[in-house]
Amino acid sequence: MKPLKLGIEAFGSLADRQTIDFAELGEHRLFLIHGSTGAGKQ
Protein backbone atom coordinates (compact mmCIF):
# COMPACT_ATOMS: atom_id res chain seq x y z
CA MET A 1 0.00 0.00 0.00
CA LYS A 2 1.33 3.44 -0.94
CA PRO A 3 0.12 6.76 0.45
CA LEU A 4 -1.36 9.03 -2.22
CA LYS A 5 -1.54 12.31 -0.30
CA LEU A 6 -0.40 13.58 3.05
CA GLY A 7 -2.02 16.60 4.67
CA ILE A 8 -0.56 18.30 7.75
CA GLU A 9 -1.48 21.44 9.65
CA ALA A 10 0.20 23.30 12.51
CA PHE A 11 3.21 20.99 12.27
CA GLY A 12 6.37 22.62 13.59
CA SER A 13 6.94 25.87 11.74
CA LEU A 14 4.24 25.04 9.14
CA ALA A 15 1.22 26.83 10.59
CA ASP A 16 -0.91 26.64 7.42
CA ARG A 17 -2.22 23.41 5.95
CA GLN A 18 0.33 21.70 3.72
CA THR A 19 -0.47 18.86 1.31
CA ILE A 20 2.05 16.54 -0.27
CA ASP A 21 0.70 14.79 -3.37
CA PHE A 22 2.83 11.69 -3.86
CA ALA A 23 1.19 11.05 -7.26
CA GLU A 24 3.17 14.03 -8.61
CA LEU A 25 6.36 12.04 -8.10
CA GLY A 26 5.36 9.62 -10.87
CA GLU A 27 7.87 6.80 -11.05
CA HIS A 28 10.41 8.73 -8.97
CA ARG A 29 10.19 7.14 -5.53
CA LEU A 30 12.78 9.27 -3.78
CA PHE A 31 12.12 12.84 -2.64
CA LEU A 32 13.96 15.32 -0.46
CA ILE A 33 12.82 17.79 2.15
CA HIS A 34 15.47 20.49 2.32
CA GLY A 35 16.06 23.94 3.70
CA SER A 36 18.42 26.06 5.71
CA THR A 37 19.55 24.99 9.16
CA GLY A 38 16.90 26.11 11.65
CA ALA A 39 14.22 26.39 8.95
CA GLY A 40 11.90 23.94 10.74
CA LYS A 41 12.56 20.63 8.97
CA GLN A 42 11.46 17.93 11.38
C-alpha atoms as a PDB file:
ATOM      1  CA  MET A   1       0.000   0.000   0.000  1.00  0.00           C
ATOM      2  CA  LYS A   2       1.328   3.441  -0.942  1.00  0.00           C
ATOM      3  CA  PRO A   3       0.124   6.758   0.449  1.00  0.00           C
ATOM      4  CA  LEU A   4      -1.361   9.026  -2.224  1.00  0.00           C
ATOM      5  CA  LYS A   5      -1.544  12.311  -0.305  1.00  0.00           C
ATOM      6  CA  LEU A   6      -0.400  13.577   3.051  1.00  0.00           C
ATOM      7  CA  GLY A   7      -2.022  16.604   4.674  1.00  0.00           C
ATOM      8  CA  ILE A   8      -0.559  18.295   7.752  1.00  0.00           C
ATOM      9  CA  GLU A   9      -1.485  21.438   9.647  1.00  0.00           C
ATOM     10  CA  ALA A  10       0.198  23.300  12.514  1.00  0.00           C
ATOM     11  CA  PHE A  11       3.214  20.991  12.267  1.00  0.00           C
ATOM     12  CA  GLY A  12       6.373  22.618  13.592  1.00  0.00           C
ATOM     13  CA  SER A  13       6.937  25.871  11.739  1.00  0.00           C
ATOM     14  CA  LEU A  14       4.242  25.043   9.136  1.00  0.00           C
ATOM     15  CA  ALA A  15       1.218  26.833  10.591  1.00  0.00           C
ATOM     16  CA  ASP A  16      -0.910  26.645   7.422  1.00  0.00           C
ATOM     17  CA  ARG A  17      -2.223  23.411   5.952  1.00  0.00           C
ATOM     18  CA  GLN A  18       0.333  21.697   3.716  1.00  0.00           C
ATOM     19  CA  THR A  19      -0.473  18.863   1.311  1.00  0.00           C
ATOM     20  CA  ILE A  20       2.051  16.543  -0.267  1.00  0.00           C
ATOM     21  CA  ASP A  21       0.701  14.789  -3.366  1.00  0.00           C
ATOM     22  CA  PHE A  22       2.833  11.685  -3.861  1.00  0.00           C
ATOM     23  CA  ALA A  23       1.193  11.049  -7.257  1.00  0.00           C
ATOM     24  CA  GLU A  24       3.173  14.033  -8.607  1.00  0.00           C
ATOM     25  CA  LEU A  25       6.361  12.039  -8.095  1.00  0.00           C
ATOM     26  CA  GLY A  26       5.359   9.617 -10.870  1.00  0.00           C
ATOM     27  CA  GLU A  27       7.870   6.795 -11.046  1.00  0.00           C
ATOM     28  CA  HIS A  28      10.410   8.733  -8.971  1.00  0.00           C
ATOM     29  CA  ARG A  29      10.190   7.144  -5.535  1.00  0.00           C
ATOM     30  CA  LEU A  30      12.781   9.273  -3.785  1.00  0.00           C
ATOM     31  CA  PHE A  31      12.120  12.840  -2.636  1.00  0.00           C
ATOM     32  CA  LEU A  32      13.963  15.316  -0.461  1.00  0.00           C
ATOM     33  CA  ILE A  33      12.816  17.785   2.154  1.00  0.00           C
ATOM     34  CA  HIS A  34      15.469  20.491   2.318  1.00  0.00           C
ATOM     35  CA  GLY A  35      16.062  23.944   3.696  1.00  0.00           C
ATOM     36  CA  SER A  36      18.420  26.057   5.706  1.00  0.00           C
ATOM     37  CA  THR A  37      19.555  24.992   9.164  1.00  0.00           C
ATOM     38  CA  GLY A  38      16.905  26.106  11.649  1.00  0.00           C
ATOM     39  CA  ALA A  39      14.222  26.388   8.952  1.00  0.00           C
ATOM     40  CA  GLY A  40      11.903  23.937  10.738  1.00  0.00           C
ATOM     41  CA  LYS A  41      12.559  20.626   8.972  1.00  0.00           C
ATOM     42  CA  GLN A  42      11.457  17.932  11.375  1.00  0.00           C
END
